[in-house]
Amino acid sequence: MAMTPDISGVSVRLLREVVGLYPEERIAQRAMETADDILSEYGSDGLRVLVMVLTGWAAVGIERHAMTSHRPPEALLDEMDLLRFEVDPGDGEE
Protein backbone atom coordinates (compact mmCIF):
# COMPACT_ATOMS: atom_id res chain seq x y z
CA MET A 1 0.00 0.00 0.00
CA ALA A 2 1.42 3.31 -1.10
CA MET A 3 0.09 5.10 1.98
CA THR A 4 1.81 2.76 4.44
CA PRO A 5 5.12 4.70 4.66
CA ASP A 6 3.25 7.96 5.23
CA ILE A 7 1.04 6.49 7.93
CA SER A 8 4.00 4.73 9.52
CA GLY A 9 5.64 8.13 9.86
CA VAL A 10 2.44 9.56 11.34
CA SER A 11 2.41 6.73 13.89
CA VAL A 12 5.99 7.46 14.98
CA ARG A 13 5.19 11.16 15.34
CA LEU A 14 2.08 10.31 17.35
CA LEU A 15 4.08 8.08 19.68
CA ARG A 16 6.72 10.80 20.12
CA GLU A 17 3.95 13.18 21.14
CA VAL A 18 2.15 10.90 23.60
CA VAL A 19 4.98 9.07 25.36
CA GLY A 20 5.21 10.80 28.73
CA LEU A 21 2.21 13.03 28.04
CA TYR A 22 0.38 14.18 31.14
CA PRO A 23 -2.39 14.03 32.10
CA GLU A 24 -2.82 10.62 30.50
CA GLU A 25 -6.27 11.54 29.17
CA ARG A 26 -4.49 13.71 26.61
CA ILE A 27 -3.06 10.53 25.04
CA ALA A 28 -6.51 9.35 23.97
CA GLN A 29 -7.39 12.85 22.77
CA ARG A 30 -4.27 13.05 20.61
CA ALA A 31 -4.83 9.53 19.26
CA MET A 32 -8.40 10.40 18.26
CA GLU A 33 -7.23 13.59 16.53
CA THR A 34 -4.69 11.55 14.59
CA ALA A 35 -7.33 8.98 13.63
CA ASP A 36 -9.60 11.79 12.42
CA ASP A 37 -6.75 13.23 10.35
CA ILE A 38 -5.99 9.83 8.80
CA LEU A 39 -9.67 9.21 8.05
CA SER A 40 -9.98 12.62 6.42
CA GLU A 41 -6.87 12.22 4.29
CA TYR A 42 -6.80 8.48 3.50
CA GLY A 43 -10.30 7.18 4.29
CA SER A 44 -11.07 3.92 6.03
CA ASP A 45 -8.16 2.13 4.34
CA GLY A 46 -5.88 4.63 6.04
CA LEU A 47 -7.39 3.80 9.42
CA ARG A 48 -6.80 0.11 8.74
CA VAL A 49 -3.15 0.82 7.94
CA LEU A 50 -2.82 2.93 11.10
CA VAL A 51 -4.17 0.04 13.19
CA MET A 52 -1.79 -2.36 11.44
CA VAL A 53 1.24 -0.14 12.05
CA LEU A 54 0.40 0.64 15.69
CA THR A 55 -0.26 -3.05 16.37
CA GLY A 56 3.16 -3.86 14.96
CA TRP A 57 4.85 -1.25 17.16
CA ALA A 58 2.95 -2.50 20.22
CA ALA A 59 3.82 -6.15 19.57
CA VAL A 60 7.52 -5.39 19.15
CA GLY A 61 7.53 -3.20 22.27
CA ILE A 62 5.85 -5.87 24.36
CA GLU A 63 8.23 -8.55 23.09
CA ARG A 64 11.28 -6.39 23.88
CA HIS A 65 9.96 -5.54 27.33
CA ALA A 66 9.30 -9.21 27.99
CA MET A 67 12.87 -10.08 27.01
CA THR A 68 14.48 -7.36 29.11
CA SER A 69 12.28 -8.05 32.13
CA HIS A 70 12.71 -11.83 31.81
CA ARG A 71 8.97 -12.29 31.86
CA PRO A 72 6.71 -14.00 29.38
CA PRO A 73 4.80 -11.68 27.06
CA GLU A 74 1.56 -13.17 28.37
CA ALA A 75 2.35 -11.82 31.86
CA LEU A 76 2.75 -8.31 30.45
CA LEU A 77 -0.51 -8.63 28.54
CA ASP A 78 -2.23 -9.82 31.72
CA GLU A 79 -1.00 -6.63 33.44
CA MET A 80 -2.41 -4.57 30.59
CA ASP A 81 -5.71 -6.36 30.99
CA LEU A 82 -5.74 -5.55 34.70
CA LEU A 83 -5.07 -1.88 33.96
CA ARG A 84 -7.97 -1.92 31.53
CA PHE A 85 -10.27 -3.13 34.31
CA GLU A 86 -8.98 -0.38 36.61
CA VAL A 87 -9.96 2.20 33.99
CA ASP A 88 -13.28 0.51 33.16
CA PRO A 89 -14.36 -1.75 36.02
CA GLY A 90 -17.28 -3.22 34.04
CA ASP A 91 -17.81 -6.94 33.82
CA GLY A 92 -15.15 -7.35 31.11
CA GLU A 93 -17.61 -8.18 28.36
CA GLU A 94 -17.59 -6.20 25.15
PDB file of N, CA and C in Angstrom:
ATOM      1  N   MET A   1       0.835  -1.178   0.000  1.00  0.00           N
ATOM      2  CA  MET A   1       0.000   0.000   0.000  1.00  0.00           C
ATOM      3  C   MET A   1       0.881   1.244   0.000  1.00  0.00           C
ATOM      4  N   ALA A   2       0.609   2.116  -0.935  1.00  0.00           N
ATOM      5  CA  ALA A   2       1.423   3.311  -1.099  1.00  0.00           C
ATOM      6  C   ALA A   2       1.355   4.238   0.105  1.00  0.00           C
ATOM      7  N   MET A   3       0.258   4.189   0.842  1.00  0.00           N
ATOM      8  CA  MET A   3       0.094   5.095   1.979  1.00  0.00           C
ATOM      9  C   MET A   3       0.816   4.611   3.231  1.00  0.00           C
ATOM     10  N   THR A   4       1.236   3.338   3.241  1.00  0.00           N
ATOM     11  CA  THR A   4       1.814   2.759   4.444  1.00  0.00           C
ATOM     12  C   THR A   4       3.025   3.538   4.966  1.00  0.00           C
ATOM     13  N   PRO A   5       3.993   3.922   4.111  1.00  0.00           N
ATOM     14  CA  PRO A   5       5.123   4.703   4.655  1.00  0.00           C
ATOM     15  C   PRO A   5       4.693   6.019   5.280  1.00  0.00           C
ATOM     16  N   ASP A   6       3.733   6.695   4.669  1.00  0.00           N
ATOM     17  CA  ASP A   6       3.247   7.964   5.230  1.00  0.00           C
ATOM     18  C   ASP A   6       2.613   7.743   6.601  1.00  0.00           C
ATOM     19  N   ILE A   7       1.747   6.739   6.687  1.00  0.00           N
ATOM     20  CA  ILE A   7       1.036   6.490   7.933  1.00  0.00           C
ATOM     21  C   ILE A   7       1.985   5.940   8.990  1.00  0.00           C
ATOM     22  N   SER A   8       2.983   5.195   8.570  1.00  0.00           N
ATOM     23  CA  SER A   8       3.996   4.729   9.519  1.00  0.00           C
ATOM     24  C   SER A   8       4.707   5.927  10.149  1.00  0.00           C
ATOM     25  N   GLY A   9       5.017   6.911   9.337  1.00  0.00           N
ATOM     26  CA  GLY A   9       5.638   8.134   9.862  1.00  0.00           C
ATOM     27  C   GLY A   9       4.716   8.884  10.805  1.00  0.00           C
ATOM     28  N   VAL A  10       3.429   8.930  10.457  1.00  0.00           N
ATOM     29  CA  VAL A  10       2.441   9.556  11.338  1.00  0.00           C
ATOM     30  C   VAL A  10       2.406   8.832  12.680  1.00  0.00           C
ATOM     31  N   SER A  11       2.474   7.501  12.645  1.00  0.00           N
ATOM     32  CA  SER A  11       2.407   6.731  13.891  1.00  0.00           C
ATOM     33  C   SER A  11       3.615   7.016  14.785  1.00  0.00           C
ATOM     34  N   VAL A  12       4.792   7.149  14.186  1.00  0.00           N
ATOM     35  CA  VAL A  12       5.986   7.456  14.984  1.00  0.00           C
ATOM     36  C   VAL A  12       5.866   8.855  15.584  1.00  0.00           C
ATOM     37  N   ARG A  13       5.390   9.807  14.802  1.00  0.00           N
ATOM     38  CA  ARG A  13       5.195  11.161  15.336  1.00  0.00           C
ATOM     39  C   ARG A  13       4.176  11.161  16.461  1.00  0.00           C
ATOM     40  N   LEU A  14       3.097  10.409  16.301  1.00  0.00           N
ATOM     41  CA  LEU A  14       2.084  10.309  17.352  1.00  0.00           C
ATOM     42  C   LEU A  14       2.707   9.750  18.622  1.00  0.00           C
ATOM     43  N   LEU A  15       3.462   8.673  18.502  1.00  0.00           N
ATOM     44  CA  LEU A  15       4.084   8.078  19.681  1.00  0.00           C
ATOM     45  C   LEU A  15       5.059   9.042  20.344  1.00  0.00           C
ATOM     46  N   ARG A  16       5.810   9.783  19.547  1.00  0.00           N
ATOM     47  CA  ARG A  16       6.722  10.797  20.123  1.00  0.00           C
ATOM     48  C   ARG A  16       5.955  11.832  20.935  1.00  0.00           C
ATOM     49  N   GLU A  17       4.765  12.183  20.450  1.00  0.00           N
ATOM     50  CA  GLU A  17       3.952  13.178  21.143  1.00  0.00           C
ATOM     51  C   GLU A  17       3.345  12.655  22.432  1.00  0.00           C
ATOM     52  N   VAL A  18       2.930  11.385  22.459  1.00  0.00           N
ATOM     53  CA  VAL A  18       2.152  10.905  23.595  1.00  0.00           C
ATOM     54  C   VAL A  18       2.972  10.203  24.676  1.00  0.00           C
ATOM     55  N   VAL A  19       4.167   9.722  24.330  1.00  0.00           N
ATOM     56  CA  VAL A  19       4.981   9.066  25.364  1.00  0.00           C
ATOM     57  C   VAL A  19       5.349  10.113  26.411  1.00  0.00           C
ATOM     58  N   GLY A  20       4.947   9.874  27.638  1.00  0.00           N
ATOM     59  CA  GLY A  20       5.214  10.803  28.729  1.00  0.00           C
ATOM     60  C   GLY A  20       4.226  11.948  28.844  1.00  0.00           C
ATOM     61  N   LEU A  21       3.198  11.947  28.011  1.00  0.00           N
ATOM     62  CA  LEU A  21       2.211  13.027  28.036  1.00  0.00           C
ATOM     63  C   LEU A  21       1.387  12.961  29.314  1.00  0.00           C
ATOM     64  N   TYR A  22       1.142  14.116  29.891  1.00  0.00           N
ATOM     65  CA  TYR A  22       0.378  14.185  31.136  1.00  0.00           C
ATOM     66  C   TYR A  22      -0.596  15.352  31.037  1.00  0.00           C
ATOM     67  N   PRO A  23      -1.802  15.236  31.529  1.00  0.00           N
ATOM     68  CA  PRO A  23      -2.394  14.028  32.100  1.00  0.00           C
ATOM     69  C   PRO A  23      -2.642  12.984  31.010  1.00  0.00           C
ATOM     70  N   GLU A  24      -2.725  11.739  31.425  1.00  0.00           N
ATOM     71  CA  GLU A  24      -2.824  10.620  30.505  1.00  0.00           C
ATOM     72  C   GLU A  24      -4.032  10.704  29.584  1.00  0.00           C
ATOM     73  N   GLU A  25      -5.071  11.394  30.003  1.00  0.00           N
ATOM     74  CA  GLU A  25      -6.265  11.537  29.173  1.00  0.00           C
ATOM     75  C   GLU A  25      -5.939  12.216  27.842  1.00  0.00           C
ATOM     76  N   ARG A  26      -4.883  13.011  27.844  1.00  0.00           N
ATOM     77  CA  ARG A  26      -4.490  13.705  26.613  1.00  0.00           C
ATOM     78  C   ARG A  26      -3.978  12.728  25.569  1.00  0.00           C
ATOM     79  N   ILE A  27      -3.531  11.537  25.992  1.00  0.00           N
ATOM     80  CA  ILE A  27      -3.062  10.527  25.041  1.00  0.00           C
ATOM     81  C   ILE A  27      -4.216  10.101  24.140  1.00  0.00           C
ATOM     82  N   ALA A  28      -5.339   9.767  24.755  1.00  0.00           N
ATOM     83  CA  ALA A  28      -6.511   9.352  23.971  1.00  0.00           C
ATOM     84  C   ALA A  28      -6.982  10.479  23.058  1.00  0.00           C
ATOM     85  N   GLN A  29      -6.969  11.698  23.572  1.00  0.00           N
ATOM     86  CA  GLN A  29      -7.393  12.845  22.768  1.00  0.00           C
ATOM     87  C   GLN A  29      -6.505  12.989  21.532  1.00  0.00           C
ATOM     88  N   ARG A  30      -5.203  12.897  21.733  1.00  0.00           N
ATOM     89  CA  ARG A  30      -4.268  13.051  20.609  1.00  0.00           C
ATOM     90  C   ARG A  30      -4.412  11.902  19.615  1.00  0.00           C
ATOM     91  N   ALA A  31      -4.643  10.683  20.135  1.00  0.00           N
ATOM     92  CA  ALA A  31      -4.831   9.528  19.257  1.00  0.00           C
ATOM     93  C   ALA A  31      -6.086   9.702  18.401  1.00  0.00           C
ATOM     94  N   MET A  32      -7.156  10.188  19.005  1.00  0.00           N
ATOM     95  CA  MET A  32      -8.398  10.401  18.255  1.00  0.00           C
ATOM     96  C   MET A  32      -8.221  11.485  17.187  1.00  0.00           C
ATOM     97  N   GLU A  33      -7.501  12.533  17.521  1.00  0.00           N
ATOM     98  CA  GLU A  33      -7.230  13.586  16.532  1.00  0.00           C
ATOM     99  C   GLU A  33      -6.452  13.021  15.351  1.00  0.00           C
ATOM    100  N   THR A  34      -5.476  12.172  15.648  1.00  0.00           N
ATOM    101  CA  THR A  34      -4.693  11.554  14.585  1.00  0.00           C
ATOM    102  C   THR A  34      -5.568  10.643  13.737  1.00  0.00           C
ATOM    103  N   ALA A  35      -6.420   9.850  14.377  1.00  0.00           N
ATOM    104  CA  ALA A  35      -7.329   8.975  13.632  1.00  0.00           C
ATOM    105  C   ALA A  35      -8.243   9.797  12.727  1.00  0.00           C
ATOM    106  N   ASP A  36      -8.750  10.911  13.233  1.00  0.00           N
ATOM    107  CA  ASP A  36      -9.600  11.786  12.418  1.00  0.00           C
ATOM    108  C   ASP A  36      -8.832  12.330  11.218  1.00  0.00           C
ATOM    109  N   ASP A  37      -7.586  12.723  11.446  1.00  0.00           N
ATOM    110  CA  ASP A  37      -6.749  13.235  10.350  1.00  0.00           C
ATOM    111  C   ASP A  37      -6.525  12.158   9.286  1.00  0.00           C
ATOM    112  N   ILE A  38      -6.223  10.941   9.735  1.00  0.00           N
ATOM    113  CA  ILE A  38      -5.989   9.831   8.802  1.00  0.00           C
ATOM    114  C   ILE A  38      -7.267   9.532   8.020  1.00  0.00           C
ATOM    115  N   LEU A  39      -8.401   9.483   8.722  1.00  0.00           N
ATOM    116  CA  LEU A  39      -9.670   9.209   8.051  1.00  0.00           C
ATOM    117  C   LEU A  39      -9.964  10.271   6.996  1.00  0.00           C
ATOM    118  N   SER A  40      -9.721  11.521   7.345  1.00  0.00           N
ATOM    119  CA  SER A  40      -9.983  12.616   6.425  1.00  0.00           C
ATOM    120  C   SER A  40      -9.083  12.538   5.189  1.00  0.00           C
ATOM    121  N   GLU A  41      -7.825  12.201   5.400  1.00  0.00           N
ATOM    122  CA  GLU A  41      -6.867  12.221   4.290  1.00  0.00           C
ATOM    123  C   GLU A  41      -6.842  10.922   3.488  1.00  0.00           C
ATOM    124  N   TYR A  42      -6.985   9.775   4.163  1.00  0.00           N
ATOM    125  CA  TYR A  42      -6.803   8.482   3.501  1.00  0.00           C
ATOM    126  C   TYR A  42      -8.043   7.589   3.498  1.00  0.00           C
ATOM    127  N   GLY A  43      -9.093   7.992   4.218  1.00  0.00           N
ATOM    128  CA  GLY A  43     -10.295   7.176   4.286  1.00  0.00           C
ATOM    129  C   GLY A  43     -10.136   5.983   5.214  1.00  0.00           C
ATOM    130  N   SER A  44     -11.079   5.061   5.121  1.00  0.00           N
ATOM    131  CA  SER A  44     -11.072   3.917   6.034  1.00  0.00           C
ATOM    132  C   SER A  44      -9.874   3.003   5.800  1.00  0.00           C
ATOM    133  N   ASP A  45      -9.367   2.928   4.575  1.00  0.00           N
ATOM    134  CA  ASP A  45      -8.156   2.131   4.343  1.00  0.00           C
ATOM    135  C   ASP A  45      -6.983   2.697   5.131  1.00  0.00           C
ATOM    136  N   GLY A  46      -6.933   4.005   5.250  1.00  0.00           N
ATOM    137  CA  GLY A  46      -5.875   4.632   6.043  1.00  0.00           C
ATOM    138  C   GLY A  46      -5.976   4.261   7.513  1.00  0.00           C
ATOM    139  N   LEU A  47      -7.201   4.215   8.024  1.00  0.00           N
ATOM    140  CA  LEU A  47      -7.387   3.804   9.423  1.00  0.00           C
ATOM    141  C   LEU A  47      -6.940   2.367   9.622  1.00  0.00           C
ATOM    142  N   ARG A  48      -7.233   1.509   8.645  1.00  0.00           N
ATOM    143  CA  ARG A  48      -6.799   0.112   8.736  1.00  0.00           C
ATOM    144  C   ARG A  48      -5.280   0.017   8.766  1.00  0.00           C
ATOM    145  N   VAL A  49      -4.616   0.813   7.955  1.00  0.00           N
ATOM    146  CA  VAL A  49      -3.148   0.817   7.944  1.00  0.00           C
ATOM    147  C   VAL A  49      -2.614   1.347   9.273  1.00  0.00           C
ATOM    148  N   LEU A  50      -3.245   2.389   9.808  1.00  0.00           N
ATOM    149  CA  LEU A  50      -2.819   2.932  11.100  1.00  0.00           C
ATOM    150  C   LEU A  50      -2.913   1.864  12.186  1.00  0.00           C
ATOM    151  N   VAL A  51      -4.008   1.124  12.206  1.00  0.00           N
ATOM    152  CA  VAL A  51      -4.166   0.044  13.188  1.00  0.00           C
ATOM    153  C   VAL A  51      -3.083  -1.008  12.981  1.00  0.00           C
ATOM    154  N   MET A  52      -2.819  -1.366  11.738  1.00  0.00           N
ATOM    155  CA  MET A  52      -1.791  -2.365  11.438  1.00  0.00           C
ATOM    156  C   MET A  52      -0.420  -1.905  11.944  1.00  0.00           C
ATOM    157  N   VAL A  53      -0.078  -0.664  11.652  1.00  0.00           N
ATOM    158  CA  VAL A  53       1.237  -0.142  12.046  1.00  0.00           C
ATOM    159  C   VAL A  53       1.355  -0.051  13.565  1.00  0.00           C
ATOM    160  N   LEU A  54       0.342   0.508  14.227  1.00  0.00           N
ATOM    161  CA  LEU A  54       0.404   0.640  15.686  1.00  0.00           C
ATOM    162  C   LEU A  54       0.420  -0.719  16.374  1.00  0.00           C
ATOM    163  N   THR A  55      -0.287  -1.696  15.819  1.00  0.00           N
ATOM    164  CA  THR A  55      -0.263  -3.048  16.375  1.00  0.00           C
ATOM    165  C   THR A  55       1.138  -3.633  16.246  1.00  0.00           C
ATOM    166  N   GLY A  56       1.777  -3.391  15.135  1.00  0.00           N
ATOM    167  CA  GLY A  56       3.158  -3.858  14.956  1.00  0.00           C
ATOM    168  C   GLY A  56       4.098  -3.245  15.978  1.00  0.00           C
ATOM    169  N   TRP A  57       4.000  -1.922  16.164  1.00  0.00           N
ATOM    170  CA  TRP A  57       4.850  -1.250  17.164  1.00  0.00           C
ATOM    171  C   TRP A  57       4.586  -1.803  18.562  1.00  0.00           C
ATOM    172  N   ALA A  58       3.310  -2.001  18.895  1.00  0.00           N
ATOM    173  CA  ALA A  58       2.955  -2.502  20.223  1.00  0.00           C
ATOM    174  C   ALA A  58       3.496  -3.914  20.434  1.00  0.00           C
ATOM    175  N   ALA A  59       3.348  -4.770  19.436  1.00  0.00           N
ATOM    176  CA  ALA A  59       3.823  -6.151  19.569  1.00  0.00           C
ATOM    177  C   ALA A  59       5.331  -6.192  19.780  1.00  0.00           C
ATOM    178  N   VAL A  60       6.062  -5.422  19.005  1.00  0.00           N
ATOM    179  CA  VAL A  60       7.516  -5.386  19.153  1.00  0.00           C
ATOM    180  C   VAL A  60       7.903  -4.835  20.520  1.00  0.00           C
ATOM    181  N   GLY A  61       7.233  -3.772  20.953  1.00  0.00           N
ATOM    182  CA  GLY A  61       7.534  -3.195  22.269  1.00  0.00           C
ATOM    183  C   GLY A  61       7.272  -4.170  23.401  1.00  0.00           C
ATOM    184  N   ILE A  62       6.180  -4.891  23.323  1.00  0.00           N
ATOM    185  CA  ILE A  62       5.850  -5.872  24.365  1.00  0.00           C
ATOM    186  C   ILE A  62       6.873  -7.004  24.361  1.00  0.00           C
ATOM    187  N   GLU A  63       7.238  -7.474  23.179  1.00  0.00           N
ATOM    188  CA  GLU A  63       8.229  -8.548  23.091  1.00  0.00           C
ATOM    189  C   GLU A  63       9.578  -8.102  23.663  1.00  0.00           C
ATOM    190  N   ARG A  64       9.995  -6.895  23.335  1.00  0.00           N
ATOM    191  CA  ARG A  64      11.275  -6.389  23.878  1.00  0.00           C
ATOM    192  C   ARG A  64      11.219  -6.234  25.390  1.00  0.00           C
ATOM    193  N   HIS A  65      10.106  -5.699  25.891  1.00  0.00           N
ATOM    194  CA  HIS A  65       9.962  -5.535  27.334  1.00  0.00           C
ATOM    195  C   HIS A  65       9.963  -6.894  28.028  1.00  0.00           C
ATOM    196  N   ALA A  66       9.320  -7.861  27.416  1.00  0.00           N
ATOM    197  CA  ALA A  66       9.303  -9.210  27.988  1.00  0.00           C
ATOM    198  C   ALA A  66      10.721  -9.776  28.060  1.00  0.00           C
ATOM    199  N   MET A  67      11.494  -9.572  27.015  1.00  0.00           N
ATOM    200  CA  MET A  67      12.872 -10.080  27.009  1.00  0.00           C
ATOM    201  C   MET A  67      13.723  -9.403  28.070  1.00  0.00           C
ATOM    202  N   THR A  68      13.626  -8.076  28.157  1.00  0.00           N
ATOM    203  CA  THR A  68      14.483  -7.356  29.108  1.00  0.00           C
ATOM    204  C   THR A  68      14.045  -7.555  30.547  1.00  0.00           C
ATOM    205  N   SER A  69      12.766  -7.847  30.761  1.00  0.00           N
ATOM    206  CA  SER A  69      12.278  -8.048  32.128  1.00  0.00           C
ATOM    207  C   SER A  69      12.255  -9.528  32.517  1.00  0.00           C
ATOM    208  N   HIS A  70      12.668 -10.380  31.573  1.00  0.00           N
ATOM    209  CA  HIS A  70      12.709 -11.831  31.811  1.00  0.00           C
ATOM    210  C   HIS A  70      11.350 -12.368  32.248  1.00  0.00           C
ATOM    211  N   ARG A  71      10.332 -11.856  31.585  1.00  0.00           N
ATOM    212  CA  ARG A  71       8.968 -12.289  31.865  1.00  0.00           C
ATOM    213  C   ARG A  71       8.321 -12.706  30.555  1.00  0.00           C
ATOM    214  N   PRO A  72       7.391 -13.626  30.622  1.00  0.00           N
ATOM    215  CA  PRO A  72       6.707 -14.004  29.382  1.00  0.00           C
ATOM    216  C   PRO A  72       5.802 -12.864  28.896  1.00  0.00           C
ATOM    217  N   PRO A  73       5.682 -12.728  27.582  1.00  0.00           N
ATOM    218  CA  PRO A  73       4.799 -11.681  27.056  1.00  0.00           C
ATOM    219  C   PRO A  73       3.387 -11.777  27.615  1.00  0.00           C
ATOM    220  N   GLU A  74       2.916 -12.990  27.856  1.00  0.00           N
ATOM    221  CA  GLU A  74       1.557 -13.170  28.366  1.00  0.00           C
ATOM    222  C   GLU A  74       1.387 -12.480  29.725  1.00  0.00           C
ATOM    223  N   ALA A  75       2.439 -12.482  30.556  1.00  0.00           N
ATOM    224  CA  ALA A  75       2.353 -11.820  31.863  1.00  0.00           C
ATOM    225  C   ALA A  75       2.189 -10.308  31.684  1.00  0.00           C
ATOM    226  N   LEU A  76       2.888  -9.745  30.714  1.00  0.00           N
ATOM    227  CA  LEU A  76       2.755  -8.310  30.447  1.00  0.00           C
ATOM    228  C   LEU A  76       1.359  -7.991  29.918  1.00  0.00           C
ATOM    229  N   LEU A  77       0.838  -8.845  29.060  1.00  0.00           N
ATOM    230  CA  LEU A  77      -0.511  -8.631  28.536  1.00  0.00           C
ATOM    231  C   LEU A  77      -1.557  -8.774  29.638  1.00  0.00           C
ATOM    232  N   ASP A  78      -1.319  -9.692  30.576  1.00  0.00           N
ATOM    233  CA  ASP A  78      -2.227  -9.816  31.721  1.00  0.00           C
ATOM    234  C   ASP A  78      -2.238  -8.530  32.542  1.00  0.00           C
ATOM    235  N   GLU A  79      -1.065  -7.916  32.723  1.00  0.00           N
ATOM    236  CA  GLU A  79      -0.996  -6.630  33.443  1.00  0.00           C
ATOM    237  C   GLU A  79      -1.789  -5.560  32.706  1.00  0.00           C
ATOM    238  N   MET A  80      -1.659  -5.536  31.379  1.00  0.00           N
ATOM    239  CA  MET A  80      -2.409  -4.565  30.593  1.00  0.00           C
ATOM    240  C   MET A  80      -3.912  -4.785  30.766  1.00  0.00           C
ATOM    241  N   ASP A  81      -4.305  -6.041  30.794  1.00  0.00           N
ATOM    242  CA  ASP A  81      -5.715  -6.357  30.987  1.00  0.00           C
ATOM    243  C   ASP A  81      -6.203  -5.860  32.339  1.00  0.00           C
ATOM    244  N   LEU A  82      -5.372  -6.038  33.372  1.00  0.00           N
ATOM    245  CA  LEU A  82      -5.744  -5.551  34.702  1.00  0.00           C
ATOM    246  C   LEU A  82      -5.890  -4.034  34.710  1.00  0.00           C
ATOM    247  N   LEU A  83      -4.977  -3.345  34.044  1.00  0.00           N
ATOM    248  CA  LEU A  83      -5.074  -1.882  33.959  1.00  0.00           C
ATOM    249  C   LEU A  83      -6.356  -1.466  33.251  1.00  0.00           C
ATOM    250  N   ARG A  84      -6.731  -2.223  32.248  1.00  0.00           N
ATOM    251  CA  ARG A  84      -7.970  -1.922  31.526  1.00  0.00           C
ATOM    252  C   ARG A  84      -9.162  -2.001  32.470  1.00  0.00           C
ATOM    253  N   PHE A  85      -9.166  -2.993  33.356  1.00  0.00           N
ATOM    254  CA  PHE A  85     -10.270  -3.129  34.306  1.00  0.00           C
ATOM    255  C   PHE A  85     -10.243  -2.016  35.355  1.00  0.00           C
ATOM    256  N   GLU A  86      -9.061  -1.497  35.677  1.00  0.00           N
ATOM    257  CA  GLU A  86      -8.984  -0.378  36.614  1.00  0.00           C
ATOM    258  C   GLU A  86      -9.603   0.867  35.994  1.00  0.00           C
ATOM    259  N   VAL A  87      -9.403   1.038  34.697  1.00  0.00           N
ATOM    260  CA  VAL A  87      -9.955   2.195  33.994  1.00  0.00           C
ATOM    261  C   VAL A  87     -11.448   2.024  33.770  1.00  0.00           C
ATOM    262  N   ASP A  88     -11.871   0.795  33.420  1.00  0.00           N
ATOM    263  CA  ASP A  88     -13.283   0.508  33.164  1.00  0.00           C
ATOM    264  C   ASP A  88     -13.661  -0.750  33.951  1.00  0.00           C
ATOM    265  N   PRO A  89     -14.116  -0.591  35.175  1.00  0.00           N
ATOM    266  CA  PRO A  89     -14.364  -1.751  36.020  1.00  0.00           C
ATOM    267  C   PRO A  89     -15.650  -2.516  35.694  1.00  0.00           C
ATOM    268  N   GLY A  90     -16.102  -2.465  34.449  1.00  0.00           N
ATOM    269  CA  GLY A  90     -17.284  -3.223  34.042  1.00  0.00           C
ATOM    270  C   GLY A  90     -17.028  -4.711  34.190  1.00  0.00           C
ATOM    271  N   ASP A  91     -17.919  -5.493  33.641  1.00  0.00           N
ATOM    272  CA  ASP A  91     -17.807  -6.938  33.822  1.00  0.00           C
ATOM    273  C   ASP A  91     -16.820  -7.597  32.854  1.00  0.00           C
ATOM    274  N   GLY A  92     -16.144  -6.812  32.016  1.00  0.00           N
ATOM    275  CA  GLY A  92     -15.152  -7.347  31.113  1.00  0.00           C
ATOM    276  C   GLY A  92     -15.711  -7.834  29.780  1.00  0.00           C
ATOM    277  N   GLU A  93     -17.018  -7.748  29.618  1.00  0.00           N
ATOM    278  CA  GLU A  93     -17.610  -8.177  28.356  1.00  0.00           C
ATOM    279  C   GLU A  93     -17.733  -6.983  27.435  1.00  0.00           C
ATOM    280  N   GLU A  94     -17.520  -7.240  26.161  1.00  0.00           N
ATOM    281  CA  GLU A  94     -17.586  -6.196  25.146  1.00  0.00           C
ATOM    282  C   GLU A  94     -19.018  -5.865  24.818  1.00  0.00           C
TER     283      GLU A  94
END
